[in-house]
Protein backbone atom coordinates (compact mmCIF):
# COMPACT_ATOMS: atom_id res chain seq x y z
CA UNK A 1 0.00 0.00 0.00
CA UNK A 2 2.82 2.41 0.84
CA UNK A 3 4.50 1.66 -2.49
CA UNK A 4 1.29 2.40 -4.38
CA UNK A 5 0.93 5.71 -2.53
CA UNK A 6 4.51 6.66 -3.38
CA UNK A 7 3.94 5.77 -7.03
CA UNK A 8 0.75 7.84 -7.00
CA UNK A 9 2.62 10.77 -5.49
CA UNK A 10 5.38 10.50 -8.10
CA UNK A 11 2.90 10.36 -11.00
CA UNK A 12 0.98 13.30 -9.53
CA UNK A 13 4.13 15.40 -9.11
CA UNK A 14 5.12 14.62 -12.69
CA UNK A 15 1.63 15.56 -13.87
CA UNK A 16 1.80 18.86 -11.99
CA UNK A 17 5.25 19.55 -13.45
CA UNK A 18 3.90 18.92 -16.96
CA UNK A 19 0.99 21.29 -16.32
CA UNK A 20 3.46 23.96 -15.22
CA UNK A 21 5.60 23.41 -18.34
CA UNK A 22 2.47 23.69 -20.51
CA UNK A 23 1.48 26.90 -18.76
CA UNK A 24 4.87 28.45 -19.41
CA UNK A 25 4.78 27.39 -23.05
CA UNK A 26 1.45 29.21 -23.50
CA UNK A 27 2.91 32.13 -21.56
CA UNK A 28 5.81 32.28 -24.04
CA UNK A 29 3.40 32.23 -26.99
CA UNK A 30 1.21 35.09 -25.75
CA UNK A 31 2.04 38.73 -25.02
CA UNK A 32 2.49 39.87 -21.43
CA UNK A 33 2.43 37.68 -18.37
CA UNK A 34 -0.20 34.97 -18.66
CA UNK A 35 -0.68 34.84 -14.89
CA UNK A 36 -1.53 38.55 -14.87
CA UNK A 37 -4.04 38.08 -17.66
CA UNK A 38 -5.72 35.38 -15.59
CA UNK A 39 -5.68 36.98 -12.16
CA UNK A 40 -5.40 40.73 -12.59
CA UNK A 41 -7.16 41.54 -15.84
CA UNK A 42 -9.51 38.55 -15.81
CA UNK A 43 -9.14 37.49 -19.44
CA UNK A 44 -11.75 34.81 -20.12
CA UNK A 45 -9.89 33.95 -23.33
CA UNK A 46 -6.67 33.25 -21.43
CA UNK A 47 -8.61 31.15 -18.93
CA UNK A 48 -10.21 29.15 -21.72
CA UNK A 49 -6.93 28.45 -23.53
CA UNK A 50 -5.10 27.50 -20.30
CA UNK A 51 -8.00 25.30 -19.16
CA UNK A 52 -7.98 23.45 -22.49
CA UNK A 53 -4.21 22.97 -22.25
CA UNK A 54 -4.55 21.61 -18.70
CA UNK A 55 -7.38 19.24 -19.65
CA UNK A 56 -5.46 18.02 -22.68
CA UNK A 57 -2.23 17.39 -20.80
CA UNK A 58 -4.19 15.75 -17.99
CA UNK A 59 -5.79 13.37 -20.49
CA UNK A 60 -2.38 12.52 -21.95
CA UNK A 61 -0.88 11.89 -18.50
CA UNK A 62 -3.86 9.77 -17.43
CA UNK A 63 -3.80 7.67 -20.59
CA UNK A 64 -0.05 7.13 -20.48
CA UNK A 65 -0.13 5.98 -16.86
CA UNK A 66 -3.16 3.78 -17.50
CA UNK A 67 -1.70 2.03 -20.53
CA UNK A 68 1.90 1.69 -19.34
CA UNK A 69 1.52 0.80 -15.66
CA UNK A 70 2.20 -2.88 -16.39
CA UNK A 71 5.63 -1.98 -17.80
CA UNK A 72 6.83 -1.12 -14.29
CA UNK A 73 7.10 2.15 -12.43
CA UNK A 74 10.27 3.53 -14.02
CA UNK A 75 9.35 2.89 -17.66
CA UNK A 76 5.77 4.06 -17.10
CA UNK A 77 7.01 7.28 -15.49
CA UNK A 78 9.37 7.81 -18.43
CA UNK A 79 6.62 7.24 -20.99
CA UNK A 80 4.38 9.63 -19.07
CA UNK A 81 7.02 12.36 -19.20
CA UNK A 82 7.76 11.70 -22.87
CA UNK A 83 4.14 11.72 -24.05
CA UNK A 84 3.32 14.69 -21.82
CA UNK A 85 6.14 16.75 -23.33
CA UNK A 86 5.17 15.59 -26.82
CA UNK A 87 1.60 16.73 -26.21
CA UNK A 88 2.74 20.14 -24.95
CA UNK A 89 5.02 20.60 -27.94
CA UNK A 90 2.29 19.62 -30.40
CA UNK A 91 -0.22 21.91 -28.68
CA UNK A 92 2.27 24.76 -29.14
CA UNK A 93 2.79 23.88 -32.80
CA UNK A 94 -0.97 23.82 -33.42
CA UNK A 95 -1.34 27.21 -31.68
CA UNK A 96 1.42 28.75 -33.84
CA UNK A 97 -0.05 27.27 -37.04
CA UNK A 98 -3.55 28.46 -36.14
CA UNK A 99 -2.12 31.92 -35.43
CA UNK A 100 -0.43 31.91 -38.85
CA UNK A 101 -3.50 30.87 -40.85
CA UNK A 102 -6.08 33.14 -39.21
CA UNK A 103 -6.37 36.90 -39.70
CA UNK A 104 -5.25 39.06 -36.82
CA UNK A 105 -3.14 37.87 -33.94
CA UNK A 106 -4.34 34.78 -32.12
CA UNK A 107 -1.58 35.42 -29.60
CA UNK A 108 -3.18 38.73 -28.65
CA UNK A 109 -6.75 37.44 -28.88
CA UNK A 110 -5.86 34.59 -26.49
CA UNK A 111 -5.26 37.10 -23.70
CA UNK A 112 -7.76 39.81 -24.68
CA UNK A 113 -10.89 40.69 -22.73
CA UNK A 114 -14.33 39.50 -23.69
CA UNK A 115 -14.97 36.05 -25.06
CA UNK A 116 -13.67 35.77 -28.63
CA UNK A 117 -14.52 32.96 -31.08
CA UNK A 118 -10.83 32.55 -31.97
CA UNK A 119 -10.03 31.70 -28.34
CA UNK A 120 -12.69 28.98 -28.44
CA UNK A 121 -11.14 27.58 -31.61
CA UNK A 122 -7.64 27.73 -30.05
CA UNK A 123 -8.92 25.84 -27.00
CA UNK A 124 -10.61 23.25 -29.21
CA UNK A 125 -7.36 22.80 -31.16
CA UNK A 126 -5.49 22.19 -27.88
CA UNK A 127 -7.98 19.49 -26.93
CA UNK A 128 -8.02 17.96 -30.42
CA UNK A 129 -4.23 17.67 -30.51
CA UNK A 130 -4.30 16.08 -27.06
CA UNK A 131 -6.92 13.59 -28.21
CA UNK A 132 -4.69 12.63 -31.13
CA UNK A 133 -1.74 12.10 -28.78
CA UNK A 134 -3.97 10.03 -26.47
CA UNK A 135 -5.01 7.85 -29.41
CA UNK A 136 -1.36 7.30 -30.33
CA UNK A 137 -0.51 6.02 -26.83
CA UNK A 138 -2.57 2.85 -27.01
């Protein structure tokens, strides 16, 4: 039982670390400080994009742990880190591509005030990319 709790703690800490990495990747892709857009200016668009990133990375982490647990703790933890980082990188790529193919600046829209359709599309792209990564894990 103690071993299972320690494994659970390790997976959880890795998951939290991946969420933090994902947050900072979005922060690097958007103007200003993302944390300020969330807490000080109350950007619903920023909240939507970050929430989609968190849900997507969470799904990737869950699926990787679920499908690789039989491989043993070390390999499963490694696969979880690898697929989590892959998902974050692909989310960033999809965000940059979507920014390039849409008029205006998705980077600025993602942290602007007032709900914007482009932020909804960006969030959906984050979740779609994560679903593709999840499908590739099995």
